[in-house]
Amino acid sequence: MFAALTGLGLSTAAGLNAYIPLMVVGLVAHFTDAVRLPQGYEWLSNGWVLLIIGVLLVAEIVLDKVPVVDHVTKTFSQLITPPTPAARALCAPGAR
């Protein structure tokens, strides 16, 4: 039951914001024994990693929820999005 609720909570958070599940799992693993991270993922509970995830979380919330800032970022995104596939195709190995 706990695993199902955990999965439901993390998937709901992932739909809202990409950094919330990482932050929750990292914080719980860092401060409690309720989550034991597998080998190779222990870095997620490191204090510096949690700080970086927190900064990215706050930045994403501000960039998405403040109307003026959201408008500027969407405008910038609209300018960058069309040429991106062409740039990736030109930079791909064997493209020339």
PDB file of N, CA and C in Angstrom:
ATOM      1  N   MET A   1       0.822  -1.193   0.000  1.00  0.00           N
ATOM      2  CA  MET A   1       0.000   0.000   0.000  1.00  0.00           C
ATOM      3  C   MET A   1       0.865   1.257   0.000  1.00  0.00           C
ATOM      4  N   PHE A   2       1.927   1.253   0.850  1.00  0.00           N
ATOM      5  CA  PHE A   2       2.807   2.413   0.925  1.00  0.00           C
ATOM      6  C   PHE A   2       3.498   2.662  -0.411  1.00  0.00           C
ATOM      7  N   ALA A   3       3.927   1.581  -1.076  1.00  0.00           N
ATOM      8  CA  ALA A   3       4.609   1.728  -2.370  1.00  0.00           C
ATOM      9  C   ALA A   3       3.657   2.310  -3.414  1.00  0.00           C
ATOM     10  N   ALA A   4       2.414   1.897  -3.394  1.00  0.00           N
ATOM     11  CA  ALA A   4       1.448   2.419  -4.357  1.00  0.00           C
ATOM     12  C   ALA A   4       1.192   3.906  -4.117  1.00  0.00           C
ATOM     13  N   LEU A   5       1.065   4.303  -2.867  1.00  0.00           N
ATOM     14  CA  LEU A   5       0.852   5.714  -2.553  1.00  0.00           C
ATOM     15  C   LEU A   5       2.086   6.541  -2.892  1.00  0.00           C
ATOM     16  N   THR A   6       3.266   5.976  -2.660  1.00  0.00           N
ATOM     17  CA  THR A   6       4.499   6.684  -3.014  1.00  0.00           C
ATOM     18  C   THR A   6       4.574   6.900  -4.514  1.00  0.00           C
ATOM     19  N   GLY A   7       4.286   5.857  -5.273  1.00  0.00           N
ATOM     20  CA  GLY A   7       4.283   5.970  -6.732  1.00  0.00           C
ATOM     21  C   GLY A   7       3.265   6.972  -7.225  1.00  0.00           C
ATOM     22  N   LEU A   8       2.086   6.975  -6.636  1.00  0.00           N
ATOM     23  CA  LEU A   8       1.039   7.917  -7.015  1.00  0.00           C
ATOM     24  C   LEU A   8       1.464   9.350  -6.688  1.00  0.00           C
ATOM     25  N   GLY A   9       2.036   9.544  -5.516  1.00  0.00           N
ATOM     26  CA  GLY A   9       2.478  10.888  -5.126  1.00  0.00           C
ATOM     27  C   GLY A   9       3.596  11.403  -6.006  1.00  0.00           C
ATOM     28  N   LEU A  10       4.567  10.546  -6.309  1.00  0.00           N
ATOM     29  CA  LEU A  10       5.680  10.981  -7.152  1.00  0.00           C
ATOM     30  C   LEU A  10       5.241  11.237  -8.588  1.00  0.00           C
ATOM     31  N   SER A  11       4.348  10.417  -9.117  1.00  0.00           N
ATOM     32  CA  SER A  11       3.889  10.645 -10.486  1.00  0.00           C
ATOM     33  C   SER A  11       3.046  11.912 -10.576  1.00  0.00           C
ATOM     34  N   THR A  12       2.273  12.211  -9.544  1.00  0.00           N
ATOM     35  CA  THR A  12       1.499  13.447  -9.531  1.00  0.00           C
ATOM     36  C   THR A  12       2.435  14.650  -9.466  1.00  0.00           C
ATOM     37  N   ALA A  13       3.445  14.558  -8.623  1.00  0.00           N
ATOM     38  CA  ALA A  13       4.406  15.656  -8.518  1.00  0.00           C
ATOM     39  C   ALA A  13       5.185  15.830  -9.814  1.00  0.00           C
ATOM     40  N   ALA A  14       5.490  14.743 -10.483  1.00  0.00           N
ATOM     41  CA  ALA A  14       6.235  14.835 -11.740  1.00  0.00           C
ATOM     42  C   ALA A  14       5.415  15.540 -12.808  1.00  0.00           C
ATOM     43  N   GLY A  15       4.105  15.387 -12.747  1.00  0.00           N
ATOM     44  CA  GLY A  15       3.264  16.092 -13.702  1.00  0.00           C
ATOM     45  C   GLY A  15       3.217  17.584 -13.429  1.00  0.00           C
ATOM     46  N   LEU A  16       3.422  17.974 -12.198  1.00  0.00           N
ATOM     47  CA  LEU A  16       3.383  19.385 -11.831  1.00  0.00           C
ATOM     48  C   LEU A  16       4.732  20.065 -12.019  1.00  0.00           C
ATOM     49  N   ASN A  17       5.797  19.383 -11.665  1.00  0.00           N
ATOM     50  CA  ASN A  17       7.114  19.977 -11.697  1.00  0.00           C
ATOM     51  C   ASN A  17       8.151  18.861 -11.704  1.00  0.00           C
ATOM     52  N   ALA A  18       9.149  18.976 -12.532  1.00  0.00           N
ATOM     53  CA  ALA A  18      10.123  17.898 -12.688  1.00  0.00           C
ATOM     54  C   ALA A  18      11.039  17.740 -11.479  1.00  0.00           C
ATOM     55  N   TYR A  19      11.228  18.792 -10.703  1.00  0.00           N
ATOM     56  CA  TYR A  19      12.191  18.736  -9.608  1.00  0.00           C
ATOM     57  C   TYR A  19      11.584  18.312  -8.274  1.00  0.00           C
ATOM     58  N   ILE A  20      10.275  18.337  -8.148  1.00  0.00           N
ATOM     59  CA  ILE A  20       9.644  17.969  -6.868  1.00  0.00           C
ATOM     60  C   ILE A  20       9.927  16.517  -6.483  1.00  0.00           C
ATOM     61  N   PRO A  21       9.772  15.534  -7.380  1.00  0.00           N
ATOM     62  CA  PRO A  21      10.066  14.153  -6.955  1.00  0.00           C
ATOM     63  C   PRO A  21      11.524  13.960  -6.541  1.00  0.00           C
ATOM     64  N   LEU A  22      12.453  14.570  -7.270  1.00  0.00           N
ATOM     65  CA  LEU A  22      13.863  14.463  -6.888  1.00  0.00           C
ATOM     66  C   LEU A  22      14.108  15.063  -5.515  1.00  0.00           C
ATOM     67  N   MET A  23      13.503  16.217  -5.271  1.00  0.00           N
ATOM     68  CA  MET A  23      13.685  16.896  -3.988  1.00  0.00           C
ATOM     69  C   MET A  23      13.096  16.055  -2.851  1.00  0.00           C
ATOM     70  N   VAL A  24      11.900  15.524  -3.051  1.00  0.00           N
ATOM     71  CA  VAL A  24      11.247  14.738  -1.998  1.00  0.00           C
ATOM     72  C   VAL A  24      12.054  13.481  -1.680  1.00  0.00           C
ATOM     73  N   VAL A  25      12.433  12.744  -2.702  1.00  0.00           N
ATOM     74  CA  VAL A  25      13.189  11.510  -2.482  1.00  0.00           C
ATOM     75  C   VAL A  25      14.548  11.824  -1.853  1.00  0.00           C
ATOM     76  N   GLY A  26      15.223  12.846  -2.349  1.00  0.00           N
ATOM     77  CA  GLY A  26      16.520  13.216  -1.789  1.00  0.00           C
ATOM     78  C   GLY A  26      16.432  13.647  -0.337  1.00  0.00           C
ATOM     79  N   LEU A  27      15.433  14.465  -0.011  1.00  0.00           N
ATOM     80  CA  LEU A  27      15.274  14.924   1.371  1.00  0.00           C
ATOM     81  C   LEU A  27      14.917  13.781   2.311  1.00  0.00           C
ATOM     82  N   VAL A  28      14.008  12.915   1.879  1.00  0.00           N
ATOM     83  CA  VAL A  28      13.618  11.784   2.731  1.00  0.00           C
ATOM     84  C   VAL A  28      14.802  10.844   2.935  1.00  0.00           C
ATOM     85  N   ALA A  29      15.574  10.600   1.877  1.00  0.00           N
ATOM     86  CA  ALA A  29      16.746   9.731   2.013  1.00  0.00           C
ATOM     87  C   ALA A  29      17.823  10.378   2.877  1.00  0.00           C
ATOM     88  N   HIS A  30      17.929  11.690   2.822  1.00  0.00           N
ATOM     89  CA  HIS A  30      18.951  12.400   3.587  1.00  0.00           C
ATOM     90  C   HIS A  30      18.630  12.462   5.079  1.00  0.00           C
ATOM     91  N   PHE A  31      17.363  12.705   5.411  1.00  0.00           N
ATOM     92  CA  PHE A  31      16.994  12.949   6.804  1.00  0.00           C
ATOM     93  C   PHE A  31      16.358  11.765   7.520  1.00  0.00           C
ATOM     94  N   THR A  32      15.948  10.739   6.799  1.00  0.00           N
ATOM     95  CA  THR A  32      15.321   9.579   7.441  1.00  0.00           C
ATOM     96  C   THR A  32      15.895   8.286   6.868  1.00  0.00           C
ATOM     97  N   ASP A  33      15.437   7.175   7.417  1.00  0.00           N
ATOM     98  CA  ASP A  33      15.799   5.867   6.884  1.00  0.00           C
ATOM     99  C   ASP A  33      14.623   5.252   6.125  1.00  0.00           C
ATOM    100  N   ALA A  34      13.612   6.044   5.832  1.00  0.00           N
ATOM    101  CA  ALA A  34      12.423   5.535   5.142  1.00  0.00           C
ATOM    102  C   ALA A  34      12.715   5.167   3.690  1.00  0.00           C
ATOM    103  N   VAL A  35      13.674   5.855   3.081  1.00  0.00           N
ATOM    104  CA  VAL A  35      14.062   5.564   1.694  1.00  0.00           C
ATOM    105  C   VAL A  35      15.531   5.218   1.673  1.00  0.00           C
ATOM    106  N   ARG A  36      15.838   4.065   1.117  1.00  0.00           N
ATOM    107  CA  ARG A  36      17.231   3.655   0.945  1.00  0.00           C
ATOM    108  C   ARG A  36      17.513   3.660  -0.549  1.00  0.00           C
ATOM    109  N   LEU A  37      18.362   4.589  -0.979  1.00  0.00           N
ATOM    110  CA  LEU A  37      18.657   4.730  -2.400  1.00  0.00           C
ATOM    111  C   LEU A  37      19.572   3.607  -2.866  1.00  0.00           C
ATOM    112  N   PRO A  38      19.332   3.091  -4.075  1.00  0.00           N
ATOM    113  CA  PRO A  38      20.193   2.031  -4.591  1.00  0.00           C
ATOM    114  C   PRO A  38      21.597   2.554  -4.893  1.00  0.00           C
ATOM    115  N   GLN A  39      22.528   1.614  -5.021  1.00  0.00           N
ATOM    116  CA  GLN A  39      23.911   1.990  -5.327  1.00  0.00           C
ATOM    117  C   GLN A  39      23.946   2.738  -6.652  1.00  0.00           C
ATOM    118  N   GLY A  40      24.661   3.815  -6.674  1.00  0.00           N
ATOM    119  CA  GLY A  40      24.734   4.652  -7.861  1.00  0.00           C
ATOM    120  C   GLY A  40      23.811   5.858  -7.795  1.00  0.00           C
ATOM    121  N   TYR A  41      22.877   5.868  -6.844  1.00  0.00           N
ATOM    122  CA  TYR A  41      21.957   6.992  -6.674  1.00  0.00           C
ATOM    123  C   TYR A  41      22.103   7.667  -5.320  1.00  0.00           C
ATOM    124  N   GLU A  42      23.131   7.305  -4.572  1.00  0.00           N
ATOM    125  CA  GLU A  42      23.342   7.906  -3.256  1.00  0.00           C
ATOM    126  C   GLU A  42      23.605   9.405  -3.353  1.00  0.00           C
ATOM    127  N   TRP A  43      24.120   9.855  -4.473  1.00  0.00           N
ATOM    128  CA  TRP A  43      24.416  11.271  -4.672  1.00  0.00           C
ATOM    129  C   TRP A  43      23.169  12.135  -4.530  1.00  0.00           C
ATOM    130  N   LEU A  44      21.993  11.538  -4.742  1.00  0.00           N
ATOM    131  CA  LEU A  44      20.750  12.292  -4.676  1.00  0.00           C
ATOM    132  C   LEU A  44      20.469  12.830  -3.273  1.00  0.00           C
ATOM    133  N   SER A  45      21.036  12.211  -2.246  1.00  0.00           N
ATOM    134  CA  SER A  45      20.808  12.680  -0.882  1.00  0.00           C
ATOM    135  C   SER A  45      21.938  13.588  -0.384  1.00  0.00           C
ATOM    136  N   ASN A  46      22.882  13.926  -1.244  1.00  0.00           N
ATOM    137  CA  ASN A  46      23.977  14.824  -0.891  1.00  0.00           C
ATOM    138  C   ASN A  46      23.432  16.242  -0.703  1.00  0.00           C
ATOM    139  N   GLY A  47      23.934  16.937   0.285  1.00  0.00           N
ATOM    140  CA  GLY A  47      23.464  18.291   0.582  1.00  0.00           C
ATOM    141  C   GLY A  47      23.628  19.265  -0.578  1.00  0.00           C
ATOM    142  N   TRP A  48      24.757  19.191  -1.287  1.00  0.00           N
ATOM    143  CA  TRP A  48      24.989  20.087  -2.420  1.00  0.00           C
ATOM    144  C   TRP A  48      24.017  19.804  -3.556  1.00  0.00           C
ATOM    145  N   VAL A  49      23.750  18.538  -3.796  1.00  0.00           N
ATOM    146  CA  VAL A  49      22.794  18.171  -4.848  1.00  0.00           C
ATOM    147  C   VAL A  49      21.404  18.668  -4.478  1.00  0.00           C
ATOM    148  N   LEU A  50      21.024  18.518  -3.221  1.00  0.00           N
ATOM    149  CA  LEU A  50      19.719  19.003  -2.777  1.00  0.00           C
ATOM    150  C   LEU A  50      19.625  20.526  -2.901  1.00  0.00           C
ATOM    151  N   LEU A  51      20.719  21.220  -2.629  1.00  0.00           N
ATOM    152  CA  LEU A  51      20.738  22.672  -2.786  1.00  0.00           C
ATOM    153  C   LEU A  51      20.541  23.059  -4.257  1.00  0.00           C
ATOM    154  N   ILE A  52      21.232  22.386  -5.155  1.00  0.00           N
ATOM    155  CA  ILE A  52      21.097  22.669  -6.589  1.00  0.00           C
ATOM    156  C   ILE A  52      19.680  22.373  -7.064  1.00  0.00           C
ATOM    157  N   ILE A  53      19.127  21.246  -6.643  1.00  0.00           N
ATOM    158  CA  ILE A  53      17.749  20.902  -7.022  1.00  0.00           C
ATOM    159  C   ILE A  53      16.786  21.949  -6.476  1.00  0.00           C
ATOM    160  N   GLY A  54      17.020  22.419  -5.256  1.00  0.00           N
ATOM    161  CA  GLY A  54      16.165  23.455  -4.671  1.00  0.00           C
ATOM    162  C   GLY A  54      16.215  24.750  -5.457  1.00  0.00           C
ATOM    163  N   VAL A  55      17.412  25.148  -5.880  1.00  0.00           N
ATOM    164  CA  VAL A  55      17.554  26.368  -6.681  1.00  0.00           C
ATOM    165  C   VAL A  55      16.823  26.204  -8.015  1.00  0.00           C
ATOM    166  N   LEU A  56      17.000  25.050  -8.657  1.00  0.00           N
ATOM    167  CA  LEU A  56      16.306  24.800  -9.925  1.00  0.00           C
ATOM    168  C   LEU A  56      14.789  24.760  -9.744  1.00  0.00           C
ATOM    169  N   LEU A  57      14.341  24.216  -8.624  1.00  0.00           N
ATOM    170  CA  LEU A  57      12.907  24.166  -8.329  1.00  0.00           C
ATOM    171  C   LEU A  57      12.337  25.570  -8.174  1.00  0.00           C
ATOM    172  N   VAL A  58      13.000  26.399  -7.408  1.00  0.00           N
ATOM    173  CA  VAL A  58      12.537  27.778  -7.222  1.00  0.00           C
ATOM    174  C   VAL A  58      12.571  28.537  -8.549  1.00  0.00           C
ATOM    175  N   ALA A  59      13.650  28.353  -9.324  1.00  0.00           N
ATOM    176  CA  ALA A  59      13.747  29.032 -10.624  1.00  0.00           C
ATOM    177  C   ALA A  59      12.622  28.603 -11.552  1.00  0.00           C
ATOM    178  N   GLU A  60      12.324  27.314 -11.592  1.00  0.00           N
ATOM    179  CA  GLU A  60      11.249  26.850 -12.467  1.00  0.00           C
ATOM    180  C   GLU A  60       9.893  27.389 -12.024  1.00  0.00           C
ATOM    181  N   ILE A  61       9.662  27.442 -10.730  1.00  0.00           N
ATOM    182  CA  ILE A  61       8.389  27.979 -10.236  1.00  0.00           C
ATOM    183  C   ILE A  61       8.266  29.457 -10.597  1.00  0.00           C
ATOM    184  N   VAL A  62       9.336  30.232 -10.387  1.00  0.00           N
ATOM    185  CA  VAL A  62       9.294  31.661 -10.713  1.00  0.00           C
ATOM    186  C   VAL A  62       9.116  31.860 -12.217  1.00  0.00           C
ATOM    187  N   LEU A  63       9.886  31.104 -13.012  1.00  0.00           N
ATOM    188  CA  LEU A  63       9.808  31.257 -14.462  1.00  0.00           C
ATOM    189  C   LEU A  63       8.454  30.829 -15.019  1.00  0.00           C
ATOM    190  N   ASP A  64       7.745  29.973 -14.305  1.00  0.00           N
ATOM    191  CA  ASP A  64       6.470  29.476 -14.811  1.00  0.00           C
ATOM    192  C   ASP A  64       5.261  30.194 -14.212  1.00  0.00           C
ATOM    193  N   LYS A  65       5.366  30.658 -12.990  1.00  0.00           N
ATOM    194  CA  LYS A  65       4.187  31.180 -12.292  1.00  0.00           C
ATOM    195  C   LYS A  65       4.079  32.700 -12.248  1.00  0.00           C
ATOM    196  N   VAL A  66       5.169  33.425 -12.455  1.00  0.00           N
ATOM    197  CA  VAL A  66       5.116  34.883 -12.475  1.00  0.00           C
ATOM    198  C   VAL A  66       4.789  35.305 -13.910  1.00  0.00           C
ATOM    199  N   PRO A  67       3.636  35.947 -14.134  1.00  0.00           N
ATOM    200  CA  PRO A  67       3.163  36.183 -15.495  1.00  0.00           C
ATOM    201  C   PRO A  67       4.144  36.916 -16.414  1.00  0.00           C
ATOM    202  N   VAL A  68       4.759  37.988 -15.955  1.00  0.00           N
ATOM    203  CA  VAL A  68       5.662  38.753 -16.819  1.00  0.00           C
ATOM    204  C   VAL A  68       6.890  37.911 -17.175  1.00  0.00           C
ATOM    205  N   VAL A  69       7.456  37.234 -16.193  1.00  0.00           N
ATOM    206  CA  VAL A  69       8.631  36.404 -16.426  1.00  0.00           C
ATOM    207  C   VAL A  69       8.262  35.232 -17.334  1.00  0.00           C
ATOM    208  N   ASP A  70       7.092  34.643 -17.124  1.00  0.00           N
ATOM    209  CA  ASP A  70       6.636  33.545 -17.966  1.00  0.00           C
ATOM    210  C   ASP A  70       6.495  34.003 -19.418  1.00  0.00           C
ATOM    211  N   HIS A  71       5.976  35.179 -19.632  1.00  0.00           N
ATOM    212  CA  HIS A  71       5.810  35.702 -20.990  1.00  0.00           C
ATOM    213  C   HIS A  71       7.169  35.876 -21.671  1.00  0.00           C
ATOM    214  N   VAL A  72       8.130  36.412 -20.950  1.00  0.00           N
ATOM    215  CA  VAL A  72       9.473  36.611 -21.519  1.00  0.00           C
ATOM    216  C   VAL A  72      10.120  35.270 -21.856  1.00  0.00           C
ATOM    217  N   THR A  73      10.026  34.306 -20.950  1.00  0.00           N
ATOM    218  CA  THR A  73      10.637  33.006 -21.224  1.00  0.00           C
ATOM    219  C   THR A  73       9.943  32.285 -22.365  1.00  0.00           C
ATOM    220  N   LYS A  74       8.619  32.408 -22.471  1.00  0.00           N
ATOM    221  CA  LYS A  74       7.897  31.782 -23.587  1.00  0.00           C
ATOM    222  C   LYS A  74       8.285  32.441 -24.912  1.00  0.00           C
ATOM    223  N   THR A  75       8.447  33.755 -24.916  1.00  0.00           N
ATOM    224  CA  THR A  75       8.861  34.459 -26.128  1.00  0.00           C
ATOM    225  C   THR A  75      10.258  34.008 -26.544  1.00  0.00           C
ATOM    226  N   PHE A  76      11.176  33.932 -25.593  1.00  0.00           N
ATOM    227  CA  PHE A  76      12.525  33.475 -25.882  1.00  0.00           C
ATOM    228  C   PHE A  76      12.498  32.044 -26.406  1.00  0.00           C
ATOM    229  N   SER A  77      11.673  31.208 -25.800  1.00  0.00           N
ATOM    230  CA  SER A  77      11.551  29.817 -26.233  1.00  0.00           C
ATOM    231  C   SER A  77      11.030  29.724 -27.660  1.00  0.00           C
ATOM    232  N   GLN A  78      10.081  30.581 -28.011  1.00  0.00           N
ATOM    233  CA  GLN A  78       9.535  30.573 -29.368  1.00  0.00           C
ATOM    234  C   GLN A  78      10.595  30.964 -30.400  1.00  0.00           C
ATOM    235  N   LEU A  79      11.546  31.797 -30.013  1.00  0.00           N
ATOM    236  CA  LEU A  79      12.607  32.199 -30.934  1.00  0.00           C
ATOM    237  C   LEU A  79      13.660  31.100 -31.098  1.00  0.00           C
ATOM    238  N   ILE A  80      13.902  30.334 -30.038  1.00  0.00           N
ATOM    239  CA  ILE A  80      14.953  29.322 -30.070  1.00  0.00           C
ATOM    240  C   ILE A  80      14.462  27.978 -30.612  1.00  0.00           C
ATOM    241  N   THR A  81      13.205  27.658 -30.403  1.00  0.00           N
ATOM    242  CA  THR A  81      12.694  26.338 -30.750  1.00  0.00           C
ATOM    243  C   THR A  81      12.806  26.000 -32.240  1.00  0.00           C
ATOM    244  N   PRO A  82      12.430  26.851 -33.174  1.00  0.00           N
ATOM    245  CA  PRO A  82      12.486  26.444 -34.586  1.00  0.00           C
ATOM    246  C   PRO A  82      13.887  26.098 -35.113  1.00  0.00           C
ATOM    247  N   PRO A  83      14.942  26.876 -34.811  1.00  0.00           N
ATOM    248  CA  PRO A  83      16.243  26.504 -35.377  1.00  0.00           C
ATOM    249  C   PRO A  83      16.968  25.371 -34.634  1.00  0.00           C
ATOM    250  N   THR A  84      16.466  24.951 -33.500  1.00  0.00           N
ATOM    251  CA  THR A  84      17.164  23.935 -32.717  1.00  0.00           C
ATOM    252  C   THR A  84      17.318  22.609 -33.459  1.00  0.00           C
ATOM    253  N   PRO A  85      16.278  22.045 -34.082  1.00  0.00           N
ATOM    254  CA  PRO A  85      16.479  20.774 -34.798  1.00  0.00           C
ATOM    255  C   PRO A  85      17.500  20.887 -35.934  1.00  0.00           C
ATOM    256  N   ALA A  86      17.504  22.018 -36.632  1.00  0.00           N
ATOM    257  CA  ALA A  86      18.478  22.194 -37.715  1.00  0.00           C
ATOM    258  C   ALA A  86      19.901  22.241 -37.143  1.00  0.00           C
ATOM    259  N   ALA A  87      20.089  22.932 -36.044  1.00  0.00           N
ATOM    260  CA  ALA A  87      21.413  23.000 -35.428  1.00  0.00           C
ATOM    261  C   ALA A  87      21.859  21.622 -34.949  1.00  0.00           C
ATOM    262  N   ARG A  88      20.948  20.854 -34.377  1.00  0.00           N
ATOM    263  CA  ARG A  88      21.292  19.497 -33.926  1.00  0.00           C
ATOM    264  C   ARG A  88      21.637  18.618 -35.098  1.00  0.00           C
ATOM    265  N   ALA A  89      20.910  18.761 -36.203  1.00  0.00           N
ATOM    266  CA  ALA A  89      21.192  17.932 -37.384  1.00  0.00           C
ATOM    267  C   ALA A  89      22.559  18.282 -37.976  1.00  0.00           C
ATOM    268  N   LEU A  90      22.904  19.553 -37.977  1.00  0.00           N
ATOM    269  CA  LEU A  90      24.206  19.964 -38.513  1.00  0.00           C
ATOM    270  C   LEU A  90      25.361  19.522 -37.628  1.00  0.00           C
ATOM    271  N   CYS A  91      25.102  19.406 -36.325  1.00  0.00           N
ATOM    272  CA  CYS A  91      26.160  19.033 -35.391  1.00  0.00           C
ATOM    273  C   CYS A  91      26.260  17.526 -35.174  1.00  0.00           C
ATOM    274  N   ALA A  92      25.318  16.773 -35.731  1.00  0.00           N
ATOM    275  CA  ALA A  92      25.312  15.339 -35.533  1.00  0.00           C
ATOM    276  C   ALA A  92      26.498  14.692 -36.256  1.00  0.00           C
ATOM    277  N   PRO A  93      27.053  13.625 -35.691  1.00  0.00           N
ATOM    278  CA  PRO A  93      28.165  12.934 -36.366  1.00  0.00           C
ATOM    279  C   PRO A  93      27.701  12.413 -37.731  1.00  0.00           C
ATOM    280  N   GLY A  94      28.523  12.615 -38.718  1.00  0.00           N
ATOM    281  CA  GLY A  94      28.203  12.148 -40.056  1.00  0.00           C
ATOM    282  C   GLY A  94      27.207  13.007 -40.804  1.00  0.00           C
ATOM    283  N   ALA A  95      26.939  14.214 -40.302  1.00  0.00           N
ATOM    284  CA  ALA A  95      25.946  15.080 -40.937  1.00  0.00           C
ATOM    285  C   ALA A  95      26.491  15.721 -42.192  1.00  0.00           C
ATOM    286  N   ARG A  96      27.798  15.764 -42.315  1.00  0.00           N
ATOM    287  CA  ARG A  96      28.369  16.469 -43.479  1.00  0.00           C
ATOM    288  C   ARG A  96      28.806  15.542 -44.544  1.00  0.00           C
TER     289      ARG A  96
END
